[in-house]
Amino acid sequence: MLNSVLGTKVGMTQLFDKNGDVIPVTVVDINNWFVTQIKLSNKDGYNAVQVGLLRNRFRGQNFSPLWLKAKKDHFLNLKEVRSEDVQSFAPGQPLELTALSIQEGDVVAVTGTSRGLGFQGVVKRWNFRGGPAAHGSKFHRRPGTSGCLRTQGEIIKGKKFPGHTGAEQVTVKGLKIVRIDRDTGCVFIKGAIPGKKDSLVTLQK
């Protein structure tokens, strides 16, 4: 079984528990993943399973061995998942829920790429307070002094400045799996996870 689960973020919705309380959940689609290669320790130096996400135009078709000869043409993403139990997998095998180690009620850590926000100032990027908003002030959303009391105005390494915001790898821990829909192949995770719609996420116990 694989300890890490790869999927694509569908979006957020809500479920109701037995008491009628609302639970905000994020839906992760774990369908259309196929085993594309097996890594062995005696050949590659480690044991792992390489899996690929099938492109939209090939979904619903029967698997063809030709897909493995041109992986980039048929698979959108190729990822490796470390596993010591590689003997139970074979190239071309679709990943099913029975091959994954997650169950309802498990607590997982979700890793994804946060949304890119472009170039932002220090107020939005680093949560600076900013200056007075009065008309006489000339210090509204500026970063302020950067090389004060330093030799020849030297700027300290790591100083917070405006720049590109987001698009970073983020891991959120302690998220609970509320439901696993085996008919649709979707996992419902309580709370929000990093990334935008259709972005790649990794679930790990």
Protein backbone atom coordinates (compact mmCIF):
# COMPACT_ATOMS: atom_id res chain seq x y z
CA MET A 1 0.00 0.00 0.00
CA LEU A 2 1.07 3.56 -0.69
CA ASN A 3 1.47 5.92 2.26
CA SER A 4 1.10 9.03 0.09
CA VAL A 5 -2.00 9.78 -1.95
CA LEU A 6 -1.91 12.11 -4.96
CA GLY A 7 -4.96 13.94 -6.19
CA THR A 8 -6.32 17.12 -7.70
CA LYS A 9 -8.23 19.75 -5.76
CA VAL A 10 -11.83 20.05 -6.92
CA GLY A 11 -13.08 22.76 -4.57
CA MET A 12 -14.92 23.28 -1.29
CA THR A 13 -18.41 22.27 -0.21
CA GLN A 14 -20.15 21.26 2.99
CA LEU A 15 -21.40 18.05 4.57
CA PHE A 16 -23.71 17.32 7.48
CA ASP A 17 -22.80 14.97 10.32
CA LYS A 18 -25.18 12.76 12.31
CA ASN A 19 -26.10 15.66 14.59
CA GLY A 20 -26.96 17.91 11.67
CA ASP A 21 -23.92 20.15 12.11
CA VAL A 22 -22.29 21.63 9.02
CA ILE A 23 -18.74 20.49 8.21
CA PRO A 24 -16.77 22.56 5.66
CA VAL A 25 -14.80 20.16 3.47
CA THR A 26 -12.44 20.25 0.51
CA VAL A 27 -12.96 17.67 -2.24
CA VAL A 28 -9.88 15.94 -3.65
CA ASP A 29 -10.21 13.78 -6.77
CA ILE A 30 -7.90 10.74 -6.74
CA ASN A 31 -9.16 9.19 -9.98
CA ASN A 32 -7.27 8.60 -13.26
CA TRP A 33 -3.90 7.75 -11.69
CA PHE A 34 -1.94 4.88 -13.25
CA VAL A 35 1.27 3.12 -12.34
CA THR A 36 3.81 4.09 -15.01
CA GLN A 37 7.03 2.59 -13.64
CA ILE A 38 8.40 0.50 -10.78
CA LYS A 39 11.67 1.56 -9.10
CA LEU A 40 13.68 -1.26 -7.51
CA SER A 41 16.51 -0.98 -5.01
CA ASN A 42 18.80 -3.39 -6.86
CA LYS A 43 18.45 -1.35 -10.06
CA ASP A 44 17.62 2.21 -9.07
CA GLY A 45 18.92 2.27 -5.49
CA TYR A 46 15.50 2.63 -3.85
CA ASN A 47 11.99 1.22 -3.97
CA ALA A 48 9.26 3.46 -5.32
CA VAL A 49 6.21 3.51 -7.54
CA GLN A 50 5.98 6.10 -10.29
CA VAL A 51 2.40 7.16 -10.97
CA GLY A 52 0.95 9.42 -13.64
CA LEU A 53 -2.24 11.46 -13.94
CA LEU A 54 -3.97 10.71 -17.23
CA ARG A 55 -4.74 13.66 -19.50
CA ASN A 56 -8.37 14.64 -19.95
CA ARG A 57 -8.64 13.57 -23.58
CA PHE A 58 -7.64 9.97 -22.76
CA ARG A 59 -9.91 9.50 -19.76
CA GLY A 60 -12.59 6.88 -20.20
CA GLN A 61 -10.48 4.90 -22.66
CA ASN A 62 -9.01 1.47 -22.09
CA PHE A 63 -5.38 1.48 -21.03
CA SER A 64 -2.87 1.02 -23.83
CA PRO A 65 0.78 -0.08 -23.41
CA LEU A 66 1.68 2.66 -25.89
CA TRP A 67 0.92 5.21 -23.18
CA LEU A 68 4.00 4.09 -21.24
CA LYS A 69 6.25 4.66 -24.27
CA ALA A 70 5.18 8.31 -24.56
CA LYS A 71 4.41 9.27 -20.98
CA LYS A 72 4.50 13.04 -21.41
CA ASP A 73 1.98 12.85 -24.24
CA HIS A 74 -0.54 10.85 -22.24
CA PHE A 75 0.08 11.79 -18.59
CA LEU A 76 -0.23 15.28 -17.15
CA ASN A 77 1.86 14.72 -14.01
CA LEU A 78 4.43 12.07 -13.12
CA LYS A 79 5.26 11.58 -9.45
CA GLU A 80 7.17 9.01 -7.41
CA VAL A 81 5.81 7.55 -4.19
CA ARG A 82 8.23 5.69 -1.93
CA SER A 83 7.02 2.25 -0.92
CA GLU A 84 8.62 -0.99 0.19
CA ASP A 85 5.68 -3.01 -1.11
CA VAL A 86 6.35 -2.52 -4.81
CA GLN A 87 5.76 -6.15 -5.73
CA SER A 88 2.00 -5.68 -5.59
CA PHE A 89 2.08 -3.02 -8.34
CA ALA A 90 2.56 -3.39 -12.09
CA PRO A 91 2.99 -0.82 -14.89
CA GLY A 92 -0.37 0.16 -16.35
CA GLN A 93 -2.30 -0.70 -13.20
CA PRO A 94 -4.88 1.91 -12.19
CA LEU A 95 -4.58 3.14 -8.61
CA GLU A 96 -7.63 2.14 -6.61
CA LEU A 97 -8.67 3.03 -3.10
CA THR A 98 -7.76 -0.46 -1.90
CA ALA A 99 -4.11 0.26 -2.79
CA LEU A 100 -4.05 3.41 -0.66
CA SER A 101 -3.54 3.54 3.08
CA ILE A 102 -6.15 6.20 3.92
CA GLN A 103 -9.48 5.60 5.58
CA GLU A 104 -12.32 7.70 6.91
CA GLY A 105 -11.37 9.32 10.20
CA ASP A 106 -7.61 9.40 9.48
CA VAL A 107 -5.64 12.56 10.16
CA VAL A 108 -3.45 13.58 7.22
CA ALA A 109 -1.04 16.30 6.16
CA VAL A 110 -1.83 17.93 2.83
CA THR A 111 0.93 19.46 0.70
CA GLY A 112 0.25 21.71 -2.27
CA THR A 113 1.32 24.86 -4.07
CA SER A 114 -0.36 27.98 -2.77
CA ARG A 115 -2.13 30.38 -5.11
CA GLY A 116 0.10 32.90 -6.83
CA LEU A 117 -0.82 36.51 -6.05
CA GLY A 118 1.70 38.28 -8.29
CA PHE A 119 3.75 41.28 -7.17
CA GLN A 120 2.51 42.63 -3.83
CA GLY A 121 3.59 45.32 -1.40
CA VAL A 122 4.72 44.77 2.17
CA VAL A 123 1.26 45.35 3.65
CA LYS A 124 -0.30 42.42 1.78
CA ARG A 125 2.81 40.28 1.50
CA TRP A 126 4.12 40.55 5.08
CA ASN A 127 1.10 41.99 6.93
CA PHE A 128 2.81 45.31 7.70
CA ARG A 129 0.59 47.75 9.50
CA GLY A 130 1.40 50.71 7.26
CA GLY A 131 1.50 54.39 8.15
CA PRO A 132 -1.20 56.94 8.98
CA ALA A 133 -3.95 57.39 6.43
CA ALA A 134 -4.24 61.16 7.03
CA HIS A 135 -3.69 63.63 4.21
CA GLY A 136 -0.53 65.05 5.77
CA SER A 137 1.19 61.67 5.93
CA LYS A 138 3.60 60.62 3.20
CA PHE A 139 4.06 57.13 4.66
CA HIS A 140 0.96 55.10 3.81
CA ARG A 141 1.85 51.61 2.54
CA ARG A 142 5.59 52.01 2.10
CA PRO A 143 8.09 49.52 3.55
CA GLY A 144 9.94 52.16 5.52
CA THR A 145 13.66 52.42 6.18
CA SER A 146 15.76 49.45 5.11
CA GLY A 147 19.40 50.27 5.91
CA CYS A 148 19.19 52.43 9.04
CA LEU A 149 22.28 52.45 11.29
CA ARG A 150 24.17 50.12 8.97
CA THR A 151 27.56 50.70 7.36
CA GLN A 152 27.07 52.64 4.10
CA GLY A 153 23.35 51.83 4.12
CA GLU A 154 23.87 48.07 4.02
CA ILE A 155 20.64 46.08 3.90
CA ILE A 156 20.33 43.15 6.29
CA LYS A 157 19.92 39.77 4.61
CA GLY A 158 16.32 38.56 4.81
CA LYS A 159 14.80 42.04 5.01
CA LYS A 160 11.12 41.97 4.10
CA PHE A 161 10.43 43.84 0.87
CA PRO A 162 7.73 43.93 -1.82
CA GLY A 163 7.89 41.07 -4.30
CA HIS A 164 6.21 38.02 -5.75
CA THR A 165 3.67 36.53 -3.35
CA GLY A 166 2.37 32.98 -3.17
CA ALA A 167 3.13 30.04 -5.48
CA GLU A 168 5.06 28.32 -2.67
CA GLN A 169 4.90 24.77 -1.36
CA VAL A 170 2.71 24.72 1.74
CA THR A 171 1.90 21.83 4.07
CA VAL A 172 -1.15 21.88 6.33
CA LYS A 173 -1.15 19.25 9.08
CA GLY A 174 -3.86 17.82 11.26
CA LEU A 175 -6.65 17.64 8.67
CA LYS A 176 -9.28 14.93 9.12
CA ILE A 177 -10.76 12.80 6.36
CA VAL A 178 -14.52 13.09 6.79
CA ARG A 179 -15.69 10.87 3.94
CA ILE A 180 -14.35 8.75 1.10
CA ASP A 181 -16.70 8.30 -1.84
CA ARG A 182 -15.65 5.07 -3.52
CA ASP A 183 -18.10 5.51 -6.39
CA THR A 184 -16.65 8.82 -7.56
CA GLY A 185 -13.13 8.34 -6.16
CA CYS A 186 -13.23 11.57 -4.14
CA VAL A 187 -11.88 12.27 -0.68
CA PHE A 188 -13.59 14.86 1.55
CA ILE A 189 -11.16 16.60 3.92
CA LYS A 190 -12.32 18.86 6.72
CA GLY A 191 -11.11 22.43 6.30
CA ALA A 192 -9.17 24.22 3.58
CA ILE A 193 -6.08 22.96 1.80
CA PRO A 194 -3.46 24.92 -0.18
CA GLY A 195 -3.72 25.39 -3.92
CA LYS A 196 -6.21 26.55 -6.49
CA LYS A 197 -8.76 24.49 -8.39
CA ASP A 198 -7.33 21.54 -10.36
CA SER A 199 -3.95 21.90 -8.62
CA LEU A 200 -1.97 18.86 -7.52
CA VAL A 201 -2.00 17.95 -3.81
CA THR A 202 -0.41 15.19 -1.76
CA LEU A 203 -2.08 13.50 1.21
CA GLN A 204 0.16 11.75 3.73
CA LYS A 205 -0.65 10.12 7.03
